[in-house]
Amino acid sequence: MPPRLDGEVAEYQIHLDGRPATSLVYGGSAPRERATYSFYVGQVAGVTHRVRIRAMLPDGTWGGFSQERTVTTGGER
């Protein structure tokens, strides 16, 4: 869920295993509640990664990182 601020949060930075992996930038208004985003991390199923995100705040600075989560890659679709 986006931080509750005076202004719009339209950019998030996603870190994978302690390193920047990708950014998510909304061209319009960002969702107010839960959103889903996916990106390619490899072809091998069953690999576990550590993920954290942080938001670009309305004043142009980066907010703090989210709590670290772990995700495991799935099989082919």
PDB file of N, CA and C in Angstrom:
ATOM      1  N   MET A   1       0.838  -1.167   0.000  1.00  0.00           N
ATOM      2  CA  MET A   1       0.000   0.000   0.000  1.00  0.00           C
ATOM      3  C   MET A   1       0.893   1.243   0.000  1.00  0.00           C
ATOM      4  N   PRO A   2       0.546   2.260  -0.772  1.00  0.00           N
ATOM      5  CA  PRO A   2       1.382   3.459  -0.818  1.00  0.00           C
ATOM      6  C   PRO A   2       1.359   4.207   0.507  1.00  0.00           C
ATOM      7  N   PRO A   3       2.429   4.935   0.796  1.00  0.00           N
ATOM      8  CA  PRO A   3       2.445   5.725   2.027  1.00  0.00           C
ATOM      9  C   PRO A   3       1.367   6.803   1.969  1.00  0.00           C
ATOM     10  N   ARG A   4       0.835   7.188   3.097  1.00  0.00           N
ATOM     11  CA  ARG A   4      -0.168   8.257   3.176  1.00  0.00           C
ATOM     12  C   ARG A   4       0.571   9.588   3.295  1.00  0.00           C
ATOM     13  N   LEU A   5       0.554  10.362   2.219  1.00  0.00           N
ATOM     14  CA  LEU A   5       1.313  11.617   2.144  1.00  0.00           C
ATOM     15  C   LEU A   5       0.453  12.717   1.563  1.00  0.00           C
ATOM     16  N   ASP A   6       0.969  13.927   1.648  1.00  0.00           N
ATOM     17  CA  ASP A   6       0.336  15.057   0.969  1.00  0.00           C
ATOM     18  C   ASP A   6       0.894  15.127  -0.439  1.00  0.00           C
ATOM     19  N   GLY A   7       0.322  14.377  -1.348  1.00  0.00           N
ATOM     20  CA  GLY A   7       0.785  14.342  -2.727  1.00  0.00           C
ATOM     21  C   GLY A   7       0.732  12.935  -3.284  1.00  0.00           C
ATOM     22  N   GLU A   8       1.005  12.837  -4.546  1.00  0.00           N
ATOM     23  CA  GLU A   8       0.929  11.574  -5.281  1.00  0.00           C
ATOM     24  C   GLU A   8       2.271  10.854  -5.270  1.00  0.00           C
ATOM     25  N   VAL A   9       2.244   9.550  -5.020  1.00  0.00           N
ATOM     26  CA  VAL A   9       3.430   8.709  -5.165  1.00  0.00           C
ATOM     27  C   VAL A   9       3.262   7.980  -6.481  1.00  0.00           C
ATOM     28  N   ALA A  10       4.127   8.271  -7.442  1.00  0.00           N
ATOM     29  CA  ALA A  10       3.983   7.696  -8.777  1.00  0.00           C
ATOM     30  C   ALA A  10       5.173   6.843  -9.197  1.00  0.00           C
ATOM     31  N   GLU A  11       6.190   6.723  -8.343  1.00  0.00           N
ATOM     32  CA  GLU A  11       7.372   5.932  -8.710  1.00  0.00           C
ATOM     33  C   GLU A  11       7.832   5.098  -7.524  1.00  0.00           C
ATOM     34  N   TYR A  12       8.137   3.838  -7.823  1.00  0.00           N
ATOM     35  CA  TYR A  12       8.650   2.912  -6.821  1.00  0.00           C
ATOM     36  C   TYR A  12       9.913   2.257  -7.369  1.00  0.00           C
ATOM     37  N   GLN A  13      10.882   2.030  -6.499  1.00  0.00           N
ATOM     38  CA  GLN A  13      12.103   1.326  -6.867  1.00  0.00           C
ATOM     39  C   GLN A  13      12.040  -0.057  -6.219  1.00  0.00           C
ATOM     40  N   ILE A  14      12.312  -1.086  -7.005  1.00  0.00           N
ATOM     41  CA  ILE A  14      12.245  -2.461  -6.524  1.00  0.00           C
ATOM     42  C   ILE A  14      13.658  -3.028  -6.444  1.00  0.00           C
ATOM     43  N   HIS A  15      14.037  -3.498  -5.255  1.00  0.00           N
ATOM     44  CA  HIS A  15      15.347  -4.112  -5.045  1.00  0.00           C
ATOM     45  C   HIS A  15      15.173  -5.616  -4.937  1.00  0.00           C
ATOM     46  N   LEU A  16      16.040  -6.344  -5.607  1.00  0.00           N
ATOM     47  CA  LEU A  16      16.029  -7.801  -5.611  1.00  0.00           C
ATOM     48  C   LEU A  16      17.385  -8.276  -5.104  1.00  0.00           C
ATOM     49  N   ASP A  17      17.388  -9.037  -4.036  1.00  0.00           N
ATOM     50  CA  ASP A  17      18.622  -9.555  -3.430  1.00  0.00           C
ATOM     51  C   ASP A  17      19.621  -8.450  -3.105  1.00  0.00           C
ATOM     52  N   GLY A  18      19.099  -7.314  -2.591  1.00  0.00           N
ATOM     53  CA  GLY A  18      19.956  -6.227  -2.127  1.00  0.00           C
ATOM     54  C   GLY A  18      20.426  -5.263  -3.198  1.00  0.00           C
ATOM     55  N   ARG A  19      19.962  -5.423  -4.436  1.00  0.00           N
ATOM     56  CA  ARG A  19      20.412  -4.544  -5.522  1.00  0.00           C
ATOM     57  C   ARG A  19      19.202  -4.003  -6.286  1.00  0.00           C
ATOM     58  N   PRO A  20      19.300  -2.774  -6.824  1.00  0.00           N
ATOM     59  CA  PRO A  20      18.191  -2.263  -7.633  1.00  0.00           C
ATOM     60  C   PRO A  20      17.923  -3.190  -8.815  1.00  0.00           C
ATOM     61  N   ALA A  21      16.664  -3.549  -9.020  1.00  0.00           N
ATOM     62  CA  ALA A  21      16.299  -4.459 -10.106  1.00  0.00           C
ATOM     63  C   ALA A  21      15.498  -3.745 -11.185  1.00  0.00           C
ATOM     64  N   THR A  22      14.541  -2.920 -10.775  1.00  0.00           N
ATOM     65  CA  THR A  22      13.682  -2.227 -11.740  1.00  0.00           C
ATOM     66  C   THR A  22      12.946  -1.112 -11.020  1.00  0.00           C
ATOM     67  N   SER A  23      12.344  -0.245 -11.792  1.00  0.00           N
ATOM     68  CA  SER A  23      11.498   0.813 -11.243  1.00  0.00           C
ATOM     69  C   SER A  23      10.109   0.669 -11.828  1.00  0.00           C
ATOM     70  N   LEU A  24       9.138   1.092 -11.069  1.00  0.00           N
ATOM     71  CA  LEU A  24       7.755   1.096 -11.498  1.00  0.00           C
ATOM     72  C   LEU A  24       7.297   2.549 -11.478  1.00  0.00           C
ATOM     73  N   VAL A  25       6.947   3.080 -12.651  1.00  0.00           N
ATOM     74  CA  VAL A  25       6.528   4.474 -12.761  1.00  0.00           C
ATOM     75  C   VAL A  25       5.133   4.510 -13.361  1.00  0.00           C
ATOM     76  N   TYR A  26       4.215   5.117 -12.643  1.00  0.00           N
ATOM     77  CA  TYR A  26       2.848   5.256 -13.134  1.00  0.00           C
ATOM     78  C   TYR A  26       2.757   6.499 -14.001  1.00  0.00           C
ATOM     79  N   GLY A  27       2.178   6.355 -15.187  1.00  0.00           N
ATOM     80  CA  GLY A  27       2.009   7.490 -16.086  1.00  0.00           C
ATOM     81  C   GLY A  27       0.830   8.356 -15.707  1.00  0.00           C
ATOM     82  N   GLY A  28      -0.077   7.813 -14.956  1.00  0.00           N
ATOM     83  CA  GLY A  28      -1.255   8.539 -14.486  1.00  0.00           C
ATOM     84  C   GLY A  28      -1.312   8.441 -12.983  1.00  0.00           C
ATOM     85  N   SER A  29      -2.477   8.303 -12.466  1.00  0.00           N
ATOM     86  CA  SER A  29      -2.641   8.160 -11.024  1.00  0.00           C
ATOM     87  C   SER A  29      -2.316   6.733 -10.596  1.00  0.00           C
ATOM     88  N   ALA A  30      -1.557   6.609  -9.537  1.00  0.00           N
ATOM     89  CA  ALA A  30      -1.218   5.298  -8.990  1.00  0.00           C
ATOM     90  C   ALA A  30      -2.437   4.727  -8.273  1.00  0.00           C
ATOM     91  N   PRO A  31      -2.568   3.403  -8.230  1.00  0.00           N
ATOM     92  CA  PRO A  31      -3.688   2.796  -7.501  1.00  0.00           C
ATOM     93  C   PRO A  31      -3.643   3.175  -6.024  1.00  0.00           C
ATOM     94  N   ARG A  32      -4.775   3.334  -5.420  1.00  0.00           N
ATOM     95  CA  ARG A  32      -4.849   3.694  -3.999  1.00  0.00           C
ATOM     96  C   ARG A  32      -4.675   2.481  -3.087  1.00  0.00           C
ATOM     97  N   GLU A  33      -4.986   1.320  -3.567  1.00  0.00           N
ATOM     98  CA  GLU A  33      -4.904   0.110  -2.743  1.00  0.00           C
ATOM     99  C   GLU A  33      -3.844  -0.828  -3.307  1.00  0.00           C
ATOM    100  N   ARG A  34      -4.093  -2.101  -3.323  1.00  0.00           N
ATOM    101  CA  ARG A  34      -3.140  -3.115  -3.773  1.00  0.00           C
ATOM    102  C   ARG A  34      -2.990  -3.078  -5.293  1.00  0.00           C
ATOM    103  N   ALA A  35      -1.765  -3.268  -5.762  1.00  0.00           N
ATOM    104  CA  ALA A  35      -1.478  -3.370  -7.193  1.00  0.00           C
ATOM    105  C   ALA A  35      -0.563  -4.581  -7.400  1.00  0.00           C
ATOM    106  N   THR A  36      -0.587  -5.129  -8.593  1.00  0.00           N
ATOM    107  CA  THR A  36       0.255  -6.275  -8.934  1.00  0.00           C
ATOM    108  C   THR A  36       1.234  -5.863 -10.020  1.00  0.00           C
ATOM    109  N   TYR A  37       2.481  -6.306  -9.884  1.00  0.00           N
ATOM    110  CA  TYR A  37       3.523  -5.992 -10.860  1.00  0.00           C
ATOM    111  C   TYR A  37       4.429  -7.209 -10.948  1.00  0.00           C
ATOM    112  N   SER A  38       4.859  -7.558 -12.150  1.00  0.00           N
ATOM    113  CA  SER A  38       5.781  -8.680 -12.297  1.00  0.00           C
ATOM    114  C   SER A  38       6.882  -8.300 -13.271  1.00  0.00           C
ATOM    115  N   PHE A  39       8.036  -8.951 -13.122  1.00  0.00           N
ATOM    116  CA  PHE A  39       9.154  -8.743 -14.042  1.00  0.00           C
ATOM    117  C   PHE A  39       9.985 -10.015 -14.103  1.00  0.00           C
ATOM    118  N   TYR A  40      10.743 -10.147 -15.163  1.00  0.00           N
ATOM    119  CA  TYR A  40      11.520 -11.346 -15.452  1.00  0.00           C
ATOM    120  C   TYR A  40      12.755 -11.414 -14.556  1.00  0.00           C
ATOM    121  N   VAL A  41      12.969 -12.564 -13.889  1.00  0.00           N
ATOM    122  CA  VAL A  41      14.162 -12.759 -13.060  1.00  0.00           C
ATOM    123  C   VAL A  41      14.934 -14.019 -13.425  1.00  0.00           C
ATOM    124  N   GLY A  42      14.538 -14.718 -14.475  1.00  0.00           N
ATOM    125  CA  GLY A  42      15.267 -15.901 -14.902  1.00  0.00           C
ATOM    126  C   GLY A  42      14.334 -17.045 -15.239  1.00  0.00           C
ATOM    127  N   GLN A  43      14.906 -18.095 -15.829  1.00  0.00           N
ATOM    128  CA  GLN A  43      14.116 -19.219 -16.306  1.00  0.00           C
ATOM    129  C   GLN A  43      14.028 -20.374 -15.321  1.00  0.00           C
ATOM    130  N   VAL A  44      14.810 -20.354 -14.264  1.00  0.00           N
ATOM    131  CA  VAL A  44      14.862 -21.480 -13.339  1.00  0.00           C
ATOM    132  C   VAL A  44      13.757 -21.355 -12.286  1.00  0.00           C
ATOM    133  N   ALA A  45      12.916 -22.365 -12.179  1.00  0.00           N
ATOM    134  CA  ALA A  45      11.857 -22.390 -11.167  1.00  0.00           C
ATOM    135  C   ALA A  45      12.427 -22.800  -9.814  1.00  0.00           C
ATOM    136  N   GLY A  46      11.803 -22.327  -8.750  1.00  0.00           N
ATOM    137  CA  GLY A  46      12.195 -22.731  -7.406  1.00  0.00           C
ATOM    138  C   GLY A  46      13.323 -21.915  -6.797  1.00  0.00           C
ATOM    139  N   VAL A  47      13.712 -20.794  -7.410  1.00  0.00           N
ATOM    140  CA  VAL A  47      14.775 -19.940  -6.871  1.00  0.00           C
ATOM    141  C   VAL A  47      14.136 -18.891  -5.959  1.00  0.00           C
ATOM    142  N   THR A  48      14.659 -18.739  -4.748  1.00  0.00           N
ATOM    143  CA  THR A  48      14.124 -17.774  -3.793  1.00  0.00           C
ATOM    144  C   THR A  48      14.939 -16.489  -3.841  1.00  0.00           C
ATOM    145  N   HIS A  49      14.230 -15.350  -3.843  1.00  0.00           N
ATOM    146  CA  HIS A  49      14.847 -14.027  -3.874  1.00  0.00           C
ATOM    147  C   HIS A  49      14.319 -13.189  -2.721  1.00  0.00           C
ATOM    148  N   ARG A  50      15.121 -12.209  -2.307  1.00  0.00           N
ATOM    149  CA  ARG A  50      14.710 -11.232  -1.295  1.00  0.00           C
ATOM    150  C   ARG A  50      14.266  -9.968  -2.030  1.00  0.00           C
ATOM    151  N   VAL A  51      13.124  -9.401  -1.663  1.00  0.00           N
ATOM    152  CA  VAL A  51      12.562  -8.237  -2.355  1.00  0.00           C
ATOM    153  C   VAL A  51      12.223  -7.146  -1.344  1.00  0.00           C
ATOM    154  N   ARG A  52      12.576  -5.898  -1.695  1.00  0.00           N
ATOM    155  CA  ARG A  52      12.166  -4.711  -0.928  1.00  0.00           C
ATOM    156  C   ARG A  52      11.787  -3.629  -1.934  1.00  0.00           C
ATOM    157  N   ILE A  53      10.890  -2.744  -1.533  1.00  0.00           N
ATOM    158  CA  ILE A  53      10.546  -1.612  -2.390  1.00  0.00           C
ATOM    159  C   ILE A  53      10.632  -0.327  -1.582  1.00  0.00           C
ATOM    160  N   ARG A  54      10.770   0.781  -2.304  1.00  0.00           N
ATOM    161  CA  ARG A  54      10.691   2.101  -1.679  1.00  0.00           C
ATOM    162  C   ARG A  54      10.066   3.064  -2.672  1.00  0.00           C
ATOM    163  N   ALA A  55       9.443   4.099  -2.142  1.00  0.00           N
ATOM    164  CA  ALA A  55       8.703   5.054  -2.960  1.00  0.00           C
ATOM    165  C   ALA A  55       9.480   6.344  -3.130  1.00  0.00           C
ATOM    166  N   MET A  56       9.329   6.962  -4.309  1.00  0.00           N
ATOM    167  CA  MET A  56       9.817   8.320  -4.523  1.00  0.00           C
ATOM    168  C   MET A  56       8.744   9.239  -3.937  1.00  0.00           C
ATOM    169  N   LEU A  57       9.087   9.970  -2.904  1.00  0.00           N
ATOM    170  CA  LEU A  57       8.131  10.813  -2.204  1.00  0.00           C
ATOM    171  C   LEU A  57       7.828  12.078  -3.009  1.00  0.00           C
ATOM    172  N   PRO A  58       6.704  12.737  -2.728  1.00  0.00           N
ATOM    173  CA  PRO A  58       6.347  13.936  -3.488  1.00  0.00           C
ATOM    174  C   PRO A  58       7.414  15.039  -3.454  1.00  0.00           C
ATOM    175  N   ASP A  59       8.265  15.056  -2.418  1.00  0.00           N
ATOM    176  CA  ASP A  59       9.317  16.086  -2.370  1.00  0.00           C
ATOM    177  C   ASP A  59      10.559  15.701  -3.176  1.00  0.00           C
ATOM    178  N   GLY A  60      10.535  14.537  -3.878  1.00  0.00           N
ATOM    179  CA  GLY A  60      11.649  14.119  -4.725  1.00  0.00           C
ATOM    180  C   GLY A  60      12.692  13.264  -4.042  1.00  0.00           C
ATOM    181  N   THR A  61      12.509  12.932  -2.771  1.00  0.00           N
ATOM    182  CA  THR A  61      13.452  12.068  -2.070  1.00  0.00           C
ATOM    183  C   THR A  61      12.887  10.654  -1.998  1.00  0.00           C
ATOM    184  N   TRP A  62      13.779   9.683  -1.800  1.00  0.00           N
ATOM    185  CA  TRP A  62      13.337   8.299  -1.642  1.00  0.00           C
ATOM    186  C   TRP A  62      12.911   8.072  -0.203  1.00  0.00           C
ATOM    187  N   GLY A  63      11.799   7.381  -0.034  1.00  0.00           N
ATOM    188  CA  GLY A  63      11.350   6.963   1.291  1.00  0.00           C
ATOM    189  C   GLY A  63      12.156   5.766   1.757  1.00  0.00           C
ATOM    190  N   GLY A  64      11.858   5.303   2.935  1.00  0.00           N
ATOM    191  CA  GLY A  64      12.533   4.132   3.474  1.00  0.00           C
ATOM    192  C   GLY A  64      12.084   2.856   2.768  1.00  0.00           C
ATOM    193  N   PHE A  65      12.875   1.821   2.899  1.00  0.00           N
ATOM    194  CA  PHE A  65      12.544   0.538   2.287  1.00  0.00           C
ATOM    195  C   PHE A  65      11.434  -0.167   3.055  1.00  0.00           C
ATOM    196  N   SER A  66      10.659  -0.929   2.326  1.00  0.00           N
ATOM    197  CA  SER A  66       9.648  -1.784   2.931  1.00  0.00           C
ATOM    198  C   SER A  66      10.338  -2.906   3.689  1.00  0.00           C
ATOM    199  N   GLN A  67       9.553  -3.624   4.454  1.00  0.00           N
ATOM    200  CA  GLN A  67      10.047  -4.834   5.086  1.00  0.00           C
ATOM    201  C   GLN A  67      10.454  -5.810   3.986  1.00  0.00           C
ATOM    202  N   GLU A  68      11.557  -6.513   4.184  1.00  0.00           N
ATOM    203  CA  GLU A  68      12.019  -7.469   3.181  1.00  0.00           C
ATOM    204  C   GLU A  68      11.072  -8.668   3.130  1.00  0.00           C
ATOM    205  N   ARG A  69      10.759  -9.084   1.922  1.00  0.00           N
ATOM    206  CA  ARG A  69       9.924 -10.259   1.685  1.00  0.00           C
ATOM    207  C   ARG A  69      10.731 -11.248   0.856  1.00  0.00           C
ATOM    208  N   THR A  70      10.356 -12.500   0.896  1.00  0.00           N
ATOM    209  CA  THR A  70      10.974 -13.482   0.021  1.00  0.00           C
ATOM    210  C   THR A  70       9.925 -13.961  -0.975  1.00  0.00           C
ATOM    211  N   VAL A  71      10.369 -14.182  -2.189  1.00  0.00           N
ATOM    212  CA  VAL A  71       9.506 -14.724  -3.250  1.00  0.00           C
ATOM    213  C   VAL A  71      10.273 -15.858  -3.925  1.00  0.00           C
ATOM    214  N   THR A  72       9.541 -16.822  -4.416  1.00  0.00           N
ATOM    215  CA  THR A  72      10.145 -17.961  -5.113  1.00  0.00           C
ATOM    216  C   THR A  72       9.599 -18.027  -6.506  1.00  0.00           C
ATOM    217  N   THR A  73      10.501 -18.172  -7.486  1.00  0.00           N
ATOM    218  CA  THR A  73      10.068 -18.243  -8.887  1.00  0.00           C
ATOM    219  C   THR A  73       9.246 -19.496  -9.116  1.00  0.00           C
ATOM    220  N   GLY A  74       8.260 -19.353  -9.992  1.00  0.00           N
ATOM    221  CA  GLY A  74       7.383 -20.475 -10.324  1.00  0.00           C
ATOM    222  C   GLY A  74       7.807 -21.126 -11.612  1.00  0.00           C
ATOM    223  N   GLY A  75       6.992 -22.037 -12.084  1.00  0.00           N
ATOM    224  CA  GLY A  75       7.248 -22.721 -13.347  1.00  0.00           C
ATOM    225  C   GLY A  75       6.777 -21.900 -14.519  1.00  0.00           C
ATOM    226  N   GLU A  76       6.928 -22.437 -15.722  1.00  0.00           N
ATOM    227  CA  GLU A  76       6.501 -21.753 -16.932  1.00  0.00           C
ATOM    228  C   GLU A  76       4.990 -21.653 -16.976  1.00  0.00           C
ATOM    229  N   ARG A  77       4.499 -20.623 -17.646  1.00  0.00           N
ATOM    230  CA  ARG A  77       3.051 -20.439 -17.824  1.00  0.00           C
ATOM    231  C   ARG A  77       2.604 -21.070 -19.089  1.00  0.00           C
TER     232      ARG A  77
END
